[in-house]
């Protein structure tokens, strides 16, 4: 545990040192991404395509606030429906939009890492097994949070590529045995073009 805490502290110090070298310019960022949403922690092992968009304004110290949207369509473990003599897969599908706060270090370097937290409104349409083992499609609205990290690689003065990963809580909810609960945290990995202006 101490080793993990030390690594996070070191990463934070490096980002802060990079931000301390920043100029006095406000900037805007627009990025689009595509990649995978992965249900790594549950027994359903769902995975599928995800897309996202971020638009934010950044202060000279590397702190930014922006709007964020993401959508995913996933497929997971297969279940047999004995009554209809067919089979189908678990789905952990969601769309969400909300606010994201980022802190960017080394923003004037070719490779610029950042960390972020996000608060969003999520609409999920999971298809999960009920207490009888039959897959049931449901719909939920909920608040979700995420911790994100990534880096920008600047290929020109104002354009580049962003790679990011996140752990997301409560983007997907489901009901089982009359109890509503959040699905296990979903991990997303996204890459795409980014602009700064």
N, C-alpha and C. Protein backbone atom coordinates (compact mmCIF):
# COMPACT_ATOMS: atom_id res chain seq x y z
N UNK A 1 0.81 -1.19 0.00
CA UNK A 1 0.00 0.00 0.00
C UNK A 1 0.87 1.26 0.00
N UNK A 2 1.96 1.23 0.80
CA UNK A 2 2.84 2.39 0.84
C UNK A 2 3.50 2.63 -0.51
N UNK A 3 3.84 1.53 -1.20
CA UNK A 3 4.48 1.67 -2.51
C UNK A 3 3.54 2.35 -3.50
N UNK A 4 2.25 1.98 -3.48
CA UNK A 4 1.26 2.61 -4.37
C UNK A 4 1.11 4.08 -4.01
N UNK A 5 1.04 4.41 -2.71
CA UNK A 5 0.91 5.81 -2.28
C UNK A 5 2.11 6.63 -2.73
N UNK A 6 3.30 6.06 -2.64
CA UNK A 6 4.50 6.77 -3.07
C UNK A 6 4.48 7.04 -4.56
N UNK A 7 3.99 6.08 -5.33
CA UNK A 7 3.93 6.27 -6.79
C UNK A 7 2.97 7.40 -7.15
N UNK A 8 1.79 7.44 -6.48
CA UNK A 8 0.83 8.51 -6.75
C UNK A 8 1.40 9.85 -6.33
N UNK A 9 2.10 9.87 -5.20
CA UNK A 9 2.71 11.13 -4.73
C UNK A 9 3.77 11.61 -5.72
N UNK A 10 4.58 10.69 -6.24
CA UNK A 10 5.61 11.04 -7.22
C UNK A 10 4.99 11.57 -8.50
N UNK A 11 3.93 10.89 -8.97
CA UNK A 11 3.24 11.34 -10.19
C UNK A 11 2.67 12.74 -9.99
N UNK A 12 2.06 12.99 -8.82
CA UNK A 12 1.51 14.31 -8.54
C UNK A 12 2.58 15.39 -8.49
N UNK A 13 3.74 15.08 -7.90
CA UNK A 13 4.83 16.06 -7.83
C UNK A 13 5.37 16.38 -9.22
N UNK A 14 5.47 15.36 -10.08
CA UNK A 14 5.96 15.60 -11.44
C UNK A 14 5.00 16.48 -12.23
N UNK A 15 3.70 16.20 -12.10
CA UNK A 15 2.70 17.03 -12.79
C UNK A 15 2.74 18.46 -12.26
N UNK A 16 2.84 18.63 -10.95
CA UNK A 16 2.88 19.97 -10.36
C UNK A 16 4.13 20.73 -10.83
N UNK A 17 5.27 20.02 -10.90
CA UNK A 17 6.50 20.66 -11.36
C UNK A 17 6.35 21.13 -12.81
N UNK A 18 5.68 20.32 -13.63
CA UNK A 18 5.46 20.72 -15.01
C UNK A 18 4.55 21.93 -15.10
N UNK A 19 3.51 21.95 -14.26
CA UNK A 19 2.57 23.08 -14.29
C UNK A 19 3.25 24.36 -13.82
N UNK A 20 4.20 24.25 -12.91
CA UNK A 20 4.88 25.43 -12.39
C UNK A 20 5.69 26.14 -13.48
N UNK A 21 6.03 25.40 -14.54
CA UNK A 21 6.78 25.98 -15.65
C UNK A 21 5.86 26.59 -16.71
N UNK A 22 4.56 26.57 -16.47
CA UNK A 22 3.60 26.98 -17.49
C UNK A 22 3.67 28.48 -17.77
N UNK A 23 3.27 28.86 -18.98
CA UNK A 23 3.19 30.28 -19.33
C UNK A 23 1.87 30.85 -18.81
N UNK A 24 1.58 32.10 -19.14
CA UNK A 24 0.37 32.74 -18.61
C UNK A 24 -0.78 32.73 -19.61
N UNK A 25 -0.84 31.71 -20.43
CA UNK A 25 -1.83 31.64 -21.50
C UNK A 25 -2.99 30.72 -21.14
N UNK A 26 -4.23 31.20 -21.32
CA UNK A 26 -5.41 30.35 -21.20
C UNK A 26 -5.56 29.58 -22.51
N UNK A 27 -6.05 28.33 -22.41
CA UNK A 27 -6.18 27.51 -23.61
C UNK A 27 -7.51 26.76 -23.60
N UNK A 28 -7.94 26.42 -24.80
CA UNK A 28 -9.09 25.55 -24.96
C UNK A 28 -8.64 24.23 -25.54
N UNK A 29 -9.36 23.16 -25.22
CA UNK A 29 -9.04 21.83 -25.73
C UNK A 29 -10.31 21.17 -26.25
N UNK A 30 -10.16 20.50 -27.38
CA UNK A 30 -11.24 19.69 -27.94
C UNK A 30 -10.64 18.36 -28.35
N UNK A 31 -11.18 17.28 -27.82
CA UNK A 31 -10.65 15.96 -28.20
C UNK A 31 -11.79 14.98 -28.43
N UNK A 32 -11.56 14.06 -29.33
CA UNK A 32 -12.48 12.97 -29.64
C UNK A 32 -11.71 11.67 -29.46
N UNK A 33 -12.40 10.63 -29.05
CA UNK A 33 -11.71 9.36 -28.85
C UNK A 33 -12.59 8.18 -29.19
N UNK A 34 -11.94 7.08 -29.47
CA UNK A 34 -12.63 5.81 -29.71
C UNK A 34 -11.77 4.71 -29.12
N UNK A 35 -12.43 3.66 -28.65
CA UNK A 35 -11.67 2.56 -28.06
C UNK A 35 -12.58 1.51 -27.47
N UNK A 36 -12.22 1.03 -26.27
CA UNK A 36 -12.91 -0.10 -25.65
C UNK A 36 -13.42 0.26 -24.26
N UNK A 37 -14.59 -0.28 -23.92
CA UNK A 37 -15.09 -0.28 -22.54
C UNK A 37 -15.00 -1.72 -22.05
N UNK A 38 -14.36 -1.92 -20.91
CA UNK A 38 -14.05 -3.27 -20.42
C UNK A 38 -14.62 -3.48 -19.03
N UNK A 39 -15.38 -4.54 -18.88
CA UNK A 39 -15.94 -4.94 -17.58
C UNK A 39 -14.98 -5.98 -16.99
N UNK A 40 -13.87 -5.51 -16.43
CA UNK A 40 -12.81 -6.41 -15.98
C UNK A 40 -13.10 -7.08 -14.65
N UNK A 41 -14.00 -6.53 -13.84
CA UNK A 41 -14.13 -6.97 -12.45
C UNK A 41 -15.32 -7.87 -12.16
N UNK A 42 -16.27 -7.99 -13.08
CA UNK A 42 -17.43 -8.84 -12.80
C UNK A 42 -17.29 -10.18 -13.51
N UNK A 43 -18.20 -11.08 -13.17
CA UNK A 43 -18.18 -12.41 -13.80
C UNK A 43 -18.71 -12.38 -15.22
N UNK A 44 -19.29 -11.24 -15.65
CA UNK A 44 -19.90 -11.19 -16.98
C UNK A 44 -18.88 -10.95 -18.08
N UNK A 45 -17.75 -10.35 -17.75
CA UNK A 45 -16.66 -10.14 -18.72
C UNK A 45 -17.15 -9.45 -19.99
N UNK A 46 -17.91 -8.38 -19.82
CA UNK A 46 -18.43 -7.64 -20.97
C UNK A 46 -17.35 -6.71 -21.52
N UNK A 47 -17.35 -6.56 -22.83
CA UNK A 47 -16.44 -5.61 -23.46
C UNK A 47 -17.05 -5.18 -24.79
N UNK A 48 -16.64 -3.97 -25.22
CA UNK A 48 -17.19 -3.48 -26.48
C UNK A 48 -16.65 -2.12 -26.84
N UNK A 49 -17.26 -1.53 -27.85
CA UNK A 49 -16.78 -0.27 -28.39
C UNK A 49 -17.26 0.91 -27.56
N UNK A 50 -16.40 1.95 -27.48
CA UNK A 50 -16.76 3.18 -26.77
C UNK A 50 -16.25 4.37 -27.56
N UNK A 51 -16.97 5.49 -27.46
CA UNK A 51 -16.54 6.75 -28.08
C UNK A 51 -16.70 7.86 -27.03
N UNK A 52 -15.91 8.93 -27.17
CA UNK A 52 -16.02 10.03 -26.23
C UNK A 52 -15.72 11.37 -26.89
N UNK A 53 -16.03 12.45 -26.13
CA UNK A 53 -15.74 13.81 -26.56
C UNK A 53 -15.47 14.65 -25.31
N UNK A 54 -14.46 15.54 -25.40
CA UNK A 54 -14.15 16.46 -24.30
C UNK A 54 -13.91 17.84 -24.88
N UNK A 55 -14.50 18.86 -24.23
CA UNK A 55 -14.27 20.25 -24.60
C UNK A 55 -14.07 21.03 -23.32
N UNK A 56 -12.89 21.64 -23.15
CA UNK A 56 -12.60 22.32 -21.90
C UNK A 56 -11.75 23.55 -22.06
N UNK A 57 -11.70 24.36 -21.00
CA UNK A 57 -10.88 25.56 -20.93
C UNK A 57 -9.88 25.38 -19.80
N UNK A 58 -8.62 25.73 -20.08
CA UNK A 58 -7.54 25.49 -19.13
C UNK A 58 -6.89 26.79 -18.67
N UNK A 59 -6.65 26.90 -17.35
CA UNK A 59 -5.98 28.06 -16.78
C UNK A 59 -4.47 27.96 -17.03
N UNK A 60 -3.72 29.03 -16.83
CA UNK A 60 -2.27 28.98 -17.02
C UNK A 60 -1.55 27.96 -16.14
N UNK A 61 -2.13 27.58 -14.99
CA UNK A 61 -1.49 26.62 -14.11
C UNK A 61 -1.80 25.17 -14.47
N UNK A 62 -2.50 24.94 -15.58
CA UNK A 62 -2.76 23.58 -16.03
C UNK A 62 -4.03 22.95 -15.50
N UNK A 63 -4.86 23.72 -14.79
CA UNK A 63 -6.14 23.23 -14.29
C UNK A 63 -7.22 23.56 -15.30
N UNK A 64 -8.04 22.59 -15.66
CA UNK A 64 -9.08 22.86 -16.65
C UNK A 64 -10.41 22.26 -16.21
N UNK A 65 -11.48 22.81 -16.75
CA UNK A 65 -12.83 22.32 -16.53
C UNK A 65 -13.51 22.24 -17.88
N UNK A 66 -14.20 21.13 -18.11
CA UNK A 66 -14.85 20.98 -19.41
C UNK A 66 -16.04 20.05 -19.34
N UNK A 67 -16.70 19.94 -20.49
CA UNK A 67 -17.82 19.01 -20.62
C UNK A 67 -17.31 17.74 -21.28
N UNK A 68 -17.91 16.63 -20.88
CA UNK A 68 -17.45 15.32 -21.35
C UNK A 68 -18.65 14.46 -21.68
N UNK A 69 -18.55 13.69 -22.74
CA UNK A 69 -19.59 12.74 -23.09
C UNK A 69 -18.98 11.43 -23.54
N UNK A 70 -19.65 10.34 -23.22
CA UNK A 70 -19.14 9.01 -23.60
C UNK A 70 -20.30 8.06 -23.80
N UNK A 71 -20.16 7.14 -24.72
CA UNK A 71 -21.16 6.11 -24.95
C UNK A 71 -20.46 4.80 -25.25
N UNK A 72 -21.07 3.70 -24.81
CA UNK A 72 -20.47 2.38 -25.02
C UNK A 72 -21.54 1.33 -25.28
N UNK A 73 -21.19 0.36 -26.10
CA UNK A 73 -22.04 -0.80 -26.40
C UNK A 73 -21.18 -2.04 -26.15
N UNK A 74 -21.59 -2.88 -25.20
CA UNK A 74 -20.74 -4.01 -24.82
C UNK A 74 -21.49 -5.34 -24.95
N UNK A 75 -20.72 -6.40 -25.04
CA UNK A 75 -21.23 -7.77 -25.07
C UNK A 75 -20.44 -8.59 -24.07
N UNK A 76 -21.15 -9.44 -23.31
CA UNK A 76 -20.48 -10.23 -22.29
C UNK A 76 -20.84 -11.70 -22.35
N UNK A 77 -20.88 -12.31 -21.18
CA UNK A 77 -21.12 -13.74 -21.06
C UNK A 77 -22.43 -14.16 -21.71
N UNK A 78 -22.43 -15.33 -22.32
CA UNK A 78 -23.63 -15.85 -22.98
C UNK A 78 -24.49 -16.62 -21.99
N UNK A 79 -25.82 -16.42 -22.07
CA UNK A 79 -26.77 -17.14 -21.24
C UNK A 79 -27.78 -17.85 -22.13
N UNK A 80 -28.21 -19.04 -21.70
CA UNK A 80 -29.22 -19.82 -22.42
C UNK A 80 -30.59 -19.51 -21.85
N UNK A 81 -31.55 -19.23 -22.72
CA UNK A 81 -32.94 -19.06 -22.32
C UNK A 81 -33.65 -20.38 -22.61
N UNK A 82 -33.90 -21.18 -21.56
CA UNK A 82 -34.46 -22.52 -21.74
C UNK A 82 -35.91 -22.48 -22.20
N UNK A 83 -36.65 -21.41 -21.86
CA UNK A 83 -38.06 -21.32 -22.27
C UNK A 83 -38.19 -21.04 -23.76
N UNK A 84 -37.30 -20.21 -24.31
CA UNK A 84 -37.39 -19.87 -25.73
C UNK A 84 -36.38 -20.62 -26.57
N UNK A 85 -35.62 -21.51 -25.96
CA UNK A 85 -34.61 -22.32 -26.66
C UNK A 85 -33.68 -21.45 -27.50
N UNK A 86 -33.18 -20.40 -26.87
CA UNK A 86 -32.25 -19.50 -27.55
C UNK A 86 -31.19 -19.04 -26.56
N UNK A 87 -30.22 -18.31 -27.05
CA UNK A 87 -29.19 -17.76 -26.17
C UNK A 87 -28.93 -16.30 -26.54
N UNK A 88 -28.45 -15.56 -25.58
CA UNK A 88 -28.11 -14.16 -25.79
C UNK A 88 -26.99 -13.79 -24.82
N UNK A 89 -26.46 -12.60 -24.97
CA UNK A 89 -25.33 -12.17 -24.16
C UNK A 89 -25.71 -11.02 -23.25
N UNK A 90 -24.97 -10.90 -22.15
CA UNK A 90 -25.10 -9.76 -21.27
C UNK A 90 -24.67 -8.51 -22.02
N UNK A 91 -25.37 -7.40 -21.78
CA UNK A 91 -25.00 -6.10 -22.34
C UNK A 91 -24.89 -5.11 -21.19
N UNK A 92 -23.82 -4.33 -21.15
CA UNK A 92 -23.67 -3.24 -20.19
C UNK A 92 -23.49 -1.95 -20.99
N UNK A 93 -24.59 -1.46 -21.55
CA UNK A 93 -24.57 -0.30 -22.45
C UNK A 93 -24.90 0.97 -21.68
N UNK A 94 -24.25 2.07 -22.04
CA UNK A 94 -24.51 3.34 -21.36
C UNK A 94 -24.18 4.52 -22.26
N UNK A 95 -24.80 5.67 -21.95
CA UNK A 95 -24.43 6.97 -22.50
C UNK A 95 -24.36 7.92 -21.32
N UNK A 96 -23.34 8.76 -21.27
CA UNK A 96 -23.23 9.70 -20.17
C UNK A 96 -22.64 11.02 -20.62
N UNK A 97 -23.01 12.06 -19.90
CA UNK A 97 -22.46 13.40 -20.15
C UNK A 97 -22.32 14.09 -18.80
N UNK A 98 -21.30 14.94 -18.70
CA UNK A 98 -21.09 15.61 -17.43
C UNK A 98 -19.91 16.57 -17.46
N UNK A 99 -19.38 16.87 -16.27
CA UNK A 99 -18.26 17.80 -16.12
C UNK A 99 -17.00 17.03 -15.75
N UNK A 100 -15.89 17.47 -16.31
CA UNK A 100 -14.61 16.86 -15.99
C UNK A 100 -13.60 17.94 -15.62
N UNK A 101 -12.91 17.75 -14.51
CA UNK A 101 -11.82 18.64 -14.10
C UNK A 101 -10.50 17.92 -14.35
N UNK A 102 -9.59 18.59 -15.05
CA UNK A 102 -8.29 17.99 -15.39
C UNK A 102 -7.16 18.83 -14.82
N UNK A 103 -6.08 18.15 -14.52
CA UNK A 103 -4.84 18.83 -14.16
C UNK A 103 -3.76 18.31 -15.08
N UNK A 104 -3.16 19.22 -15.83
CA UNK A 104 -2.18 18.85 -16.85
C UNK A 104 -0.79 19.32 -16.43
N UNK A 105 0.17 18.42 -16.49
CA UNK A 105 1.56 18.78 -16.23
C UNK A 105 2.32 18.86 -17.55
N UNK A 106 3.38 19.60 -17.58
CA UNK A 106 4.24 19.72 -18.77
C UNK A 106 3.43 20.08 -20.00
N UNK A 107 2.56 21.08 -19.89
CA UNK A 107 1.63 21.34 -20.99
C UNK A 107 2.30 21.93 -22.22
N UNK A 108 3.54 22.40 -22.10
CA UNK A 108 4.24 22.92 -23.28
C UNK A 108 5.24 21.92 -23.85
N UNK A 109 5.25 20.72 -23.33
CA UNK A 109 6.14 19.68 -23.85
C UNK A 109 5.42 18.88 -24.93
N UNK A 110 6.20 18.12 -25.68
CA UNK A 110 5.63 17.31 -26.75
C UNK A 110 4.69 16.24 -26.16
N UNK A 111 5.07 15.66 -25.02
CA UNK A 111 4.22 14.69 -24.33
C UNK A 111 3.75 15.34 -23.04
N UNK A 112 2.43 15.49 -22.89
CA UNK A 112 1.84 16.23 -21.77
C UNK A 112 0.85 15.33 -21.02
N UNK A 113 1.25 14.76 -19.84
CA UNK A 113 0.33 13.91 -19.08
C UNK A 113 -0.70 14.72 -18.32
N UNK A 114 -1.83 14.08 -17.99
CA UNK A 114 -2.87 14.73 -17.20
C UNK A 114 -3.63 13.69 -16.37
N UNK A 115 -4.25 14.17 -15.30
CA UNK A 115 -5.15 13.35 -14.49
C UNK A 115 -6.47 14.10 -14.36
N UNK A 116 -7.56 13.38 -14.11
CA UNK A 116 -8.88 14.02 -14.11
C UNK A 116 -9.85 13.28 -13.21
N UNK A 117 -10.88 14.01 -12.78
CA UNK A 117 -12.05 13.42 -12.13
C UNK A 117 -13.28 13.90 -12.89
N UNK A 118 -14.30 13.06 -12.92
CA UNK A 118 -15.50 13.37 -13.70
C UNK A 118 -16.74 13.05 -12.90
N UNK A 119 -17.74 13.92 -12.99
CA UNK A 119 -19.07 13.70 -12.43
C UNK A 119 -20.04 13.79 -13.59
N UNK A 120 -20.86 12.76 -13.77
CA UNK A 120 -21.69 12.70 -14.97
C UNK A 120 -23.08 12.16 -14.66
N UNK A 121 -23.98 12.41 -15.59
CA UNK A 121 -25.32 11.83 -15.58
C UNK A 121 -25.32 10.70 -16.60
N UNK A 122 -25.64 9.50 -16.16
CA UNK A 122 -25.57 8.33 -17.04
C UNK A 122 -26.95 7.73 -17.27
N UNK A 123 -27.15 7.31 -18.49
CA UNK A 123 -28.34 6.54 -18.85
C UNK A 123 -27.84 5.18 -19.31
N UNK A 124 -28.24 4.13 -18.62
CA UNK A 124 -27.76 2.79 -18.97
C UNK A 124 -28.92 1.90 -19.37
N UNK A 125 -28.64 0.98 -20.28
CA UNK A 125 -29.62 0.00 -20.75
C UNK A 125 -29.02 -1.40 -20.63
N UNK A 126 -28.80 -1.87 -19.40
CA UNK A 126 -28.16 -3.18 -19.26
C UNK A 126 -29.11 -4.32 -19.59
N UNK A 127 -28.55 -5.38 -20.09
CA UNK A 127 -29.28 -6.64 -20.25
C UNK A 127 -28.52 -7.65 -19.41
N UNK A 128 -29.08 -7.97 -18.24
CA UNK A 128 -28.41 -8.83 -17.28
C UNK A 128 -29.37 -9.93 -16.83
N UNK A 129 -28.85 -11.02 -16.25
CA UNK A 129 -29.73 -12.12 -15.83
C UNK A 129 -30.52 -11.77 -14.56
N UNK A 130 -31.79 -12.16 -14.53
CA UNK A 130 -32.59 -12.00 -13.32
C UNK A 130 -32.39 -13.21 -12.41
N UNK A 131 -33.19 -13.31 -11.34
CA UNK A 131 -33.01 -14.41 -10.39
C UNK A 131 -33.32 -15.78 -10.99
N UNK A 132 -34.02 -15.82 -12.13
CA UNK A 132 -34.31 -17.08 -12.81
C UNK A 132 -33.27 -17.42 -13.88
N UNK A 133 -32.28 -16.55 -14.03
CA UNK A 133 -31.25 -16.80 -15.02
C UNK A 133 -31.60 -16.35 -16.42
N UNK A 134 -32.73 -15.63 -16.57
CA UNK A 134 -33.13 -15.13 -17.88
C UNK A 134 -32.61 -13.71 -18.06
N UNK A 135 -32.16 -13.38 -19.24
CA UNK A 135 -31.66 -12.04 -19.52
C UNK A 135 -32.82 -11.06 -19.67
N UNK A 136 -32.72 -9.95 -18.95
CA UNK A 136 -33.78 -8.94 -18.95
C UNK A 136 -33.15 -7.60 -19.27
N UNK A 137 -33.74 -6.87 -20.22
CA UNK A 137 -33.28 -5.51 -20.57
C UNK A 137 -33.93 -4.52 -19.61
N UNK A 138 -33.11 -3.61 -19.03
CA UNK A 138 -33.61 -2.60 -18.11
C UNK A 138 -33.10 -1.23 -18.53
N UNK A 139 -33.67 -0.18 -17.93
CA UNK A 139 -33.22 1.18 -18.20
C UNK A 139 -33.09 1.93 -16.88
N UNK A 140 -31.97 2.66 -16.73
CA UNK A 140 -31.72 3.39 -15.49
C UNK A 140 -31.10 4.74 -15.79
N UNK A 141 -31.39 5.71 -14.93
CA UNK A 141 -30.70 7.01 -14.92
C UNK A 141 -29.97 7.10 -13.58
N UNK A 142 -28.72 7.55 -13.59
CA UNK A 142 -27.98 7.65 -12.34
C UNK A 142 -26.86 8.68 -12.47
N UNK A 143 -26.31 9.05 -11.31
CA UNK A 143 -25.10 9.87 -11.28
C UNK A 143 -23.91 8.92 -11.23
N UNK A 144 -22.85 9.28 -11.95
CA UNK A 144 -21.66 8.43 -11.99
C UNK A 144 -20.43 9.29 -11.78
N UNK A 145 -19.37 8.64 -11.36
CA UNK A 145 -18.08 9.31 -11.18
C UNK A 145 -17.00 8.49 -11.86
N UNK A 146 -15.90 9.15 -12.19
CA UNK A 146 -14.78 8.46 -12.82
C UNK A 146 -13.48 9.14 -12.44
N UNK A 147 -12.44 8.34 -12.40
CA UNK A 147 -11.07 8.83 -12.28
C UNK A 147 -10.40 8.51 -13.59
N UNK A 148 -9.77 9.53 -14.21
CA UNK A 148 -9.17 9.33 -15.53
C UNK A 148 -7.72 9.77 -15.53
N UNK A 149 -6.97 9.21 -16.42
CA UNK A 149 -5.59 9.61 -16.61
C UNK A 149 -5.22 9.43 -18.06
N UNK A 150 -4.33 10.26 -18.56
CA UNK A 150 -3.95 10.14 -19.95
C UNK A 150 -2.78 11.04 -20.29
N UNK A 151 -2.51 11.12 -21.56
CA UNK A 151 -1.43 11.99 -22.03
C UNK A 151 -1.75 12.45 -23.45
N UNK A 152 -1.27 13.64 -23.76
CA UNK A 152 -1.39 14.19 -25.11
C UNK A 152 0.00 14.14 -25.75
N UNK A 153 0.05 13.71 -26.99
CA UNK A 153 1.29 13.75 -27.79
C UNK A 153 1.05 14.78 -28.87
N UNK A 154 1.77 15.92 -28.80
CA UNK A 154 1.56 17.02 -29.75
C UNK A 154 2.42 16.80 -30.98
N UNK A 155 1.75 16.65 -32.12
CA UNK A 155 2.42 16.41 -33.40
C UNK A 155 2.61 17.71 -34.18
N UNK A 156 1.93 18.75 -33.74
CA UNK A 156 2.05 20.08 -34.31
C UNK A 156 1.81 21.08 -33.20
N UNK A 157 1.82 22.36 -33.53
CA UNK A 157 1.64 23.37 -32.48
C UNK A 157 0.27 23.28 -31.82
N UNK A 158 -0.77 22.96 -32.60
CA UNK A 158 -2.12 22.96 -32.06
C UNK A 158 -2.88 21.65 -32.24
N UNK A 159 -2.24 20.60 -32.68
CA UNK A 159 -2.97 19.34 -32.85
C UNK A 159 -2.08 18.17 -32.44
N UNK A 160 -2.76 17.11 -32.03
CA UNK A 160 -2.02 15.94 -31.58
C UNK A 160 -2.93 14.76 -31.37
N UNK A 161 -2.48 13.81 -30.55
CA UNK A 161 -3.21 12.58 -30.25
C UNK A 161 -3.30 12.44 -28.74
N UNK A 162 -4.49 12.07 -28.26
CA UNK A 162 -4.70 11.84 -26.83
C UNK A 162 -4.98 10.36 -26.59
N UNK A 163 -4.31 9.81 -25.59
CA UNK A 163 -4.60 8.46 -25.11
C UNK A 163 -5.03 8.55 -23.66
N UNK A 164 -6.09 7.85 -23.28
CA UNK A 164 -6.60 7.96 -21.91
C UNK A 164 -7.21 6.65 -21.45
N UNK A 165 -7.19 6.47 -20.14
CA UNK A 165 -7.86 5.33 -19.51
C UNK A 165 -8.62 5.84 -18.30
N UNK A 166 -9.71 5.18 -17.96
CA UNK A 166 -10.50 5.62 -16.80
C UNK A 166 -11.10 4.42 -16.08
N UNK A 167 -11.41 4.63 -14.80
CA UNK A 167 -12.21 3.71 -14.01
C UNK A 167 -13.49 4.44 -13.65
N UNK A 168 -14.64 3.86 -14.01
CA UNK A 168 -15.93 4.53 -13.94
C UNK A 168 -16.87 3.78 -13.00
N UNK A 169 -17.46 4.52 -12.05
CA UNK A 169 -18.38 3.93 -11.09
C UNK A 169 -19.80 4.37 -11.39
N UNK A 170 -20.70 3.42 -11.46
CA UNK A 170 -22.15 3.64 -11.59
C UNK A 170 -22.58 4.18 -12.95
N UNK A 171 -21.76 4.04 -13.99
CA UNK A 171 -22.28 4.34 -15.32
C UNK A 171 -23.35 3.34 -15.71
N UNK A 172 -23.28 2.14 -15.15
CA UNK A 172 -24.29 1.11 -15.41
C UNK A 172 -24.88 0.66 -14.08
N UNK A 173 -26.22 0.68 -14.01
CA UNK A 173 -26.94 0.12 -12.86
C UNK A 173 -27.78 -1.05 -13.37
N UNK A 174 -28.15 -1.93 -12.47
CA UNK A 174 -29.05 -3.02 -12.83
C UNK A 174 -29.82 -3.44 -11.59
N UNK A 175 -30.91 -4.16 -11.81
CA UNK A 175 -31.74 -4.62 -10.70
C UNK A 175 -31.72 -6.13 -10.68
N UNK A 176 -31.44 -6.67 -9.49
CA UNK A 176 -31.42 -8.12 -9.33
C UNK A 176 -32.05 -8.45 -7.99
N UNK A 177 -33.03 -9.36 -8.00
CA UNK A 177 -33.77 -9.73 -6.78
C UNK A 177 -34.35 -8.49 -6.10
N UNK A 178 -34.93 -7.60 -6.91
CA UNK A 178 -35.60 -6.38 -6.45
C UNK A 178 -34.66 -5.41 -5.75
N UNK A 179 -33.35 -5.54 -5.99
CA UNK A 179 -32.36 -4.63 -5.42
C UNK A 179 -31.62 -3.94 -6.56
N UNK A 180 -31.64 -2.60 -6.55
CA UNK A 180 -30.90 -1.85 -7.56
C UNK A 180 -29.48 -1.61 -7.07
N UNK A 181 -28.53 -1.85 -7.94
CA UNK A 181 -27.13 -1.67 -7.55
C UNK A 181 -26.30 -1.25 -8.75
N UNK A 182 -25.13 -0.71 -8.46
CA UNK A 182 -24.21 -0.33 -9.52
C UNK A 182 -23.46 -1.55 -10.01
N UNK A 183 -23.22 -1.61 -11.29
CA UNK A 183 -22.35 -2.66 -11.82
C UNK A 183 -20.94 -2.42 -11.31
N UNK A 184 -20.09 -3.41 -11.41
CA UNK A 184 -18.68 -3.24 -11.04
C UNK A 184 -18.08 -2.12 -11.88
N UNK A 185 -17.05 -1.44 -11.37
CA UNK A 185 -16.45 -0.34 -12.15
C UNK A 185 -16.01 -0.80 -13.54
N UNK A 186 -16.26 0.07 -14.51
CA UNK A 186 -15.91 -0.20 -15.90
C UNK A 186 -14.62 0.55 -16.24
N UNK A 187 -13.74 -0.11 -16.94
CA UNK A 187 -12.48 0.49 -17.38
C UNK A 187 -12.59 0.81 -18.86
N UNK A 188 -12.31 2.06 -19.23
CA UNK A 188 -12.32 2.41 -20.66
C UNK A 188 -10.92 2.83 -21.08
N UNK A 189 -10.58 2.50 -22.31
CA UNK A 189 -9.30 2.87 -22.91
C UNK A 189 -9.62 3.49 -24.27
N UNK A 190 -9.27 4.78 -24.44
CA UNK A 190 -9.68 5.53 -25.62
C UNK A 190 -8.50 6.30 -26.21
N UNK A 191 -8.46 6.39 -27.52
CA UNK A 191 -7.42 7.13 -28.24
C UNK A 191 -8.09 7.93 -29.35
N UNK A 192 -7.57 9.15 -29.58
CA UNK A 192 -8.14 9.94 -30.65
C UNK A 192 -7.45 11.27 -30.85
N UNK A 193 -7.89 12.05 -31.83
CA UNK A 193 -7.26 13.35 -32.12
C UNK A 193 -7.64 14.42 -31.09
N UNK A 194 -6.76 15.39 -30.91
CA UNK A 194 -7.04 16.49 -29.99
C UNK A 194 -6.54 17.80 -30.58
N UNK A 195 -7.26 18.89 -30.26
CA UNK A 195 -6.88 20.23 -30.71
C UNK A 195 -6.72 21.13 -29.51
N UNK A 196 -5.79 22.08 -29.55
CA UNK A 196 -5.71 23.13 -28.55
C UNK A 196 -5.71 24.47 -29.24
N UNK A 197 -6.34 25.45 -28.61
CA UNK A 197 -6.49 26.76 -29.26
C UNK A 197 -6.54 27.86 -28.21
